[in-house]
Amino acid sequence: MDGQQLLSARKQKGWNQERGALKLGVSQPYLSLLERGARRVPEYLAVKAVQIYGLSEAFLPLDKTGSQVSPADESTLAASLVESSS
């Protein structure tokens, strides 16, 4: 989530910065910095914003646990599909 998305979500609720900051549990000046892009939106605040503003979870940061899918060649992929159908 970036500051522009945070700003758009707040405006869609019809809230001024003071109300948005109060709902998010941050100061109004800090929310202003976030919305202008002067500060990065921290992960914990993105999670809270999704809940407070009723946004899609697609706005949340990706899981950083290191679990990435590595590409497989065709024979490996075919073998895994056969195993999963058994």
N, C-alpha and C. Protein backbone atom coordinates (compact mmCIF):
# COMPACT_ATOMS: atom_id res chain seq x y z
N MET A 1 0.85 -1.18 0.00
CA MET A 1 0.00 0.00 0.00
C MET A 1 0.89 1.24 0.00
N ASP A 2 0.52 2.18 -0.82
CA ASP A 2 1.28 3.42 -0.83
C ASP A 2 0.40 4.56 -0.32
N GLY A 3 1.00 5.72 -0.21
CA GLY A 3 0.31 6.88 0.35
C GLY A 3 -0.90 7.31 -0.47
N GLN A 4 -0.79 7.21 -1.79
CA GLN A 4 -1.90 7.61 -2.65
C GLN A 4 -3.12 6.71 -2.41
N GLN A 5 -2.88 5.43 -2.24
CA GLN A 5 -3.98 4.50 -1.96
C GLN A 5 -4.61 4.79 -0.60
N LEU A 6 -3.77 5.13 0.37
CA LEU A 6 -4.25 5.50 1.69
C LEU A 6 -5.12 6.75 1.62
N LEU A 7 -4.65 7.74 0.88
CA LEU A 7 -5.40 8.98 0.69
C LEU A 7 -6.74 8.72 0.00
N SER A 8 -6.73 7.95 -1.06
CA SER A 8 -7.96 7.65 -1.79
C SER A 8 -8.98 6.93 -0.92
N ALA A 9 -8.50 5.99 -0.12
CA ALA A 9 -9.41 5.23 0.75
C ALA A 9 -10.03 6.13 1.81
N ARG A 10 -9.22 7.03 2.37
CA ARG A 10 -9.75 7.96 3.38
C ARG A 10 -10.79 8.88 2.77
N LYS A 11 -10.48 9.41 1.59
CA LYS A 11 -11.42 10.33 0.94
C LYS A 11 -12.72 9.61 0.55
N GLN A 12 -12.59 8.35 0.17
CA GLN A 12 -13.79 7.59 -0.20
C GLN A 12 -14.71 7.42 1.01
N LYS A 13 -14.13 7.36 2.20
CA LYS A 13 -14.92 7.29 3.43
C LYS A 13 -15.53 8.64 3.79
N GLY A 14 -15.00 9.71 3.16
CA GLY A 14 -15.50 11.04 3.47
C GLY A 14 -14.89 11.62 4.74
N TRP A 15 -13.75 11.10 5.13
CA TRP A 15 -13.10 11.54 6.36
C TRP A 15 -12.02 12.57 6.07
N ASN A 16 -11.89 13.57 6.95
CA ASN A 16 -10.76 14.48 6.86
C ASN A 16 -9.53 13.78 7.47
N GLN A 17 -8.37 14.42 7.39
CA GLN A 17 -7.16 13.79 7.89
C GLN A 17 -7.21 13.54 9.40
N GLU A 18 -7.82 14.44 10.13
CA GLU A 18 -7.90 14.26 11.58
C GLU A 18 -8.69 13.00 11.93
N ARG A 19 -9.82 12.82 11.28
CA ARG A 19 -10.64 11.62 11.54
C ARG A 19 -9.91 10.36 11.09
N GLY A 20 -9.29 10.40 9.91
CA GLY A 20 -8.55 9.26 9.41
C GLY A 20 -7.41 8.88 10.34
N ALA A 21 -6.69 9.88 10.82
CA ALA A 21 -5.58 9.64 11.75
C ALA A 21 -6.09 9.03 13.05
N LEU A 22 -7.19 9.55 13.55
CA LEU A 22 -7.78 9.03 14.78
C LEU A 22 -8.17 7.56 14.61
N LYS A 23 -8.81 7.23 13.50
CA LYS A 23 -9.23 5.85 13.23
C LYS A 23 -8.03 4.91 13.10
N LEU A 24 -6.94 5.42 12.50
CA LEU A 24 -5.75 4.58 12.31
C LEU A 24 -4.84 4.56 13.54
N GLY A 25 -5.09 5.46 14.49
CA GLY A 25 -4.27 5.50 15.69
C GLY A 25 -2.92 6.16 15.48
N VAL A 26 -2.88 7.14 14.57
CA VAL A 26 -1.64 7.89 14.31
C VAL A 26 -1.96 9.37 14.40
N SER A 27 -0.93 10.20 14.40
CA SER A 27 -1.15 11.65 14.43
C SER A 27 -1.51 12.14 13.03
N GLN A 28 -2.19 13.28 12.98
CA GLN A 28 -2.56 13.87 11.70
C GLN A 28 -1.33 14.25 10.88
N PRO A 29 -0.29 14.85 11.49
CA PRO A 29 0.90 15.15 10.68
C PRO A 29 1.56 13.90 10.09
N TYR A 30 1.56 12.79 10.85
CA TYR A 30 2.14 11.55 10.34
C TYR A 30 1.33 11.01 9.18
N LEU A 31 0.00 11.05 9.31
CA LEU A 31 -0.86 10.59 8.21
C LEU A 31 -0.62 11.45 6.97
N SER A 32 -0.43 12.74 7.16
CA SER A 32 -0.15 13.62 6.03
C SER A 32 1.15 13.21 5.33
N LEU A 33 2.18 12.89 6.10
CA LEU A 33 3.45 12.43 5.52
C LEU A 33 3.26 11.14 4.73
N LEU A 34 2.47 10.23 5.27
CA LEU A 34 2.22 8.96 4.60
C LEU A 34 1.48 9.18 3.28
N GLU A 35 0.43 9.97 3.33
CA GLU A 35 -0.39 10.20 2.15
C GLU A 35 0.36 10.95 1.05
N ARG A 36 1.29 11.80 1.41
CA ARG A 36 2.09 12.53 0.41
C ARG A 36 3.24 11.70 -0.13
N GLY A 37 3.48 10.55 0.49
CA GLY A 37 4.58 9.71 0.04
C GLY A 37 5.91 10.07 0.66
N ALA A 38 5.91 10.97 1.65
CA ALA A 38 7.14 11.37 2.31
C ALA A 38 7.63 10.29 3.28
N ARG A 39 6.74 9.40 3.68
CA ARG A 39 7.07 8.26 4.53
C ARG A 39 6.42 7.02 3.92
N ARG A 40 7.09 5.88 4.06
CA ARG A 40 6.55 4.61 3.59
C ARG A 40 5.47 4.14 4.56
N VAL A 41 4.39 3.59 4.04
CA VAL A 41 3.32 3.06 4.90
C VAL A 41 3.81 1.75 5.50
N PRO A 42 3.98 1.70 6.83
CA PRO A 42 4.45 0.45 7.45
C PRO A 42 3.43 -0.67 7.32
N GLU A 43 3.92 -1.89 7.35
CA GLU A 43 3.07 -3.06 7.16
C GLU A 43 1.92 -3.11 8.16
N TYR A 44 2.22 -2.83 9.44
CA TYR A 44 1.17 -2.89 10.46
C TYR A 44 0.05 -1.89 10.16
N LEU A 45 0.43 -0.73 9.61
CA LEU A 45 -0.56 0.29 9.31
C LEU A 45 -1.36 -0.05 8.06
N ALA A 46 -0.72 -0.72 7.12
CA ALA A 46 -1.43 -1.18 5.92
C ALA A 46 -2.51 -2.18 6.32
N VAL A 47 -2.17 -3.08 7.23
CA VAL A 47 -3.14 -4.07 7.71
C VAL A 47 -4.31 -3.37 8.39
N LYS A 48 -3.99 -2.39 9.23
CA LYS A 48 -5.05 -1.65 9.93
C LYS A 48 -5.91 -0.85 8.95
N ALA A 49 -5.28 -0.25 7.95
CA ALA A 49 -6.03 0.54 6.96
C ALA A 49 -6.99 -0.33 6.17
N VAL A 50 -6.56 -1.54 5.82
CA VAL A 50 -7.45 -2.46 5.10
C VAL A 50 -8.69 -2.74 5.94
N GLN A 51 -8.50 -2.93 7.24
CA GLN A 51 -9.63 -3.20 8.13
C GLN A 51 -10.51 -1.97 8.32
N ILE A 52 -9.88 -0.84 8.64
CA ILE A 52 -10.62 0.39 8.94
C ILE A 52 -11.36 0.93 7.71
N TYR A 53 -10.67 0.94 6.58
CA TYR A 53 -11.25 1.51 5.36
C TYR A 53 -12.05 0.50 4.55
N GLY A 54 -12.04 -0.77 4.96
CA GLY A 54 -12.79 -1.80 4.24
C GLY A 54 -12.22 -2.08 2.86
N LEU A 55 -10.90 -2.09 2.76
CA LEU A 55 -10.24 -2.32 1.47
C LEU A 55 -10.01 -3.80 1.22
N SER A 56 -9.73 -4.13 -0.01
CA SER A 56 -9.37 -5.48 -0.40
C SER A 56 -8.02 -5.85 0.21
N GLU A 57 -7.85 -7.11 0.53
CA GLU A 57 -6.58 -7.58 1.07
C GLU A 57 -5.47 -7.51 0.03
N ALA A 58 -5.81 -7.24 -1.21
CA ALA A 58 -4.80 -7.08 -2.25
C ALA A 58 -3.90 -5.88 -1.98
N PHE A 59 -4.34 -4.97 -1.12
CA PHE A 59 -3.52 -3.81 -0.76
C PHE A 59 -2.44 -4.16 0.26
N LEU A 60 -2.52 -5.34 0.85
CA LEU A 60 -1.54 -5.73 1.86
C LEU A 60 -0.22 -6.11 1.22
N PRO A 61 0.87 -5.90 1.97
CA PRO A 61 2.18 -6.30 1.45
C PRO A 61 2.26 -7.81 1.27
N LEU A 62 3.12 -8.24 0.37
CA LEU A 62 3.31 -9.67 0.15
C LEU A 62 3.96 -10.30 1.36
N ASP A 63 3.72 -11.58 1.57
CA ASP A 63 4.33 -12.33 2.66
C ASP A 63 5.84 -12.37 2.43
N LYS A 64 6.59 -11.97 3.44
CA LYS A 64 8.04 -11.91 3.31
C LYS A 64 8.73 -13.05 4.05
N THR A 65 8.07 -14.19 4.17
CA THR A 65 8.67 -15.33 4.88
C THR A 65 9.67 -16.06 4.02
N GLY A 66 9.78 -15.66 2.77
CA GLY A 66 10.75 -16.30 1.88
C GLY A 66 10.18 -17.48 1.13
N SER A 67 8.91 -17.75 1.31
CA SER A 67 8.31 -18.87 0.60
C SER A 67 7.90 -18.42 -0.80
N GLN A 68 8.79 -18.64 -1.73
CA GLN A 68 8.51 -18.28 -3.11
C GLN A 68 8.43 -19.55 -3.94
N VAL A 69 7.61 -19.51 -4.92
CA VAL A 69 7.48 -20.64 -5.82
C VAL A 69 8.57 -20.53 -6.86
N SER A 70 9.35 -21.59 -6.99
CA SER A 70 10.39 -21.56 -8.01
C SER A 70 9.84 -22.22 -9.28
N PRO A 71 10.24 -21.72 -10.42
CA PRO A 71 9.73 -22.28 -11.66
C PRO A 71 10.20 -23.72 -11.84
N ALA A 72 9.33 -24.54 -12.39
CA ALA A 72 9.66 -25.95 -12.63
C ALA A 72 9.69 -26.20 -14.12
N ASP A 73 10.52 -27.16 -14.51
CA ASP A 73 10.53 -27.52 -15.93
C ASP A 73 9.30 -28.37 -16.21
N GLU A 74 9.03 -28.61 -17.47
CA GLU A 74 7.79 -29.30 -17.87
C GLU A 74 7.68 -30.70 -17.28
N SER A 75 8.77 -31.47 -17.23
CA SER A 75 8.69 -32.84 -16.72
C SER A 75 8.41 -32.85 -15.22
N THR A 76 8.99 -31.92 -14.47
CA THR A 76 8.73 -31.82 -13.03
C THR A 76 7.29 -31.44 -12.78
N LEU A 77 6.80 -30.49 -13.55
CA LEU A 77 5.42 -30.05 -13.43
C LEU A 77 4.45 -31.18 -13.75
N ALA A 78 4.72 -31.90 -14.83
CA ALA A 78 3.85 -33.03 -15.22
C ALA A 78 3.85 -34.10 -14.14
N ALA A 79 5.02 -34.41 -13.58
CA ALA A 79 5.10 -35.43 -12.53
C ALA A 79 4.32 -35.00 -11.29
N SER A 80 4.39 -33.73 -10.92
CA SER A 80 3.67 -33.28 -9.73
C SER A 80 2.17 -33.30 -9.97
N LEU A 81 1.74 -33.03 -11.19
CA LEU A 81 0.31 -33.10 -11.50
C LEU A 81 -0.20 -34.53 -11.43
N VAL A 82 0.59 -35.50 -11.91
CA VAL A 82 0.21 -36.89 -11.86
C VAL A 82 0.12 -37.35 -10.40
N GLU A 83 1.08 -36.92 -9.58
CA GLU A 83 1.08 -37.29 -8.15
C GLU A 83 -0.13 -36.73 -7.44
N SER A 84 -0.49 -35.50 -7.73
CA SER A 84 -1.61 -34.88 -7.04
C SER A 84 -2.96 -35.45 -7.46
N SER A 85 -3.04 -36.03 -8.62
CA SER A 85 -4.31 -36.61 -9.07
C SER A 85 -4.48 -38.04 -8.59
N SER A 86 -3.45 -38.64 -8.03
CA SER A 86 -3.52 -40.02 -7.55
C SER A 86 -4.13 -40.11 -6.18
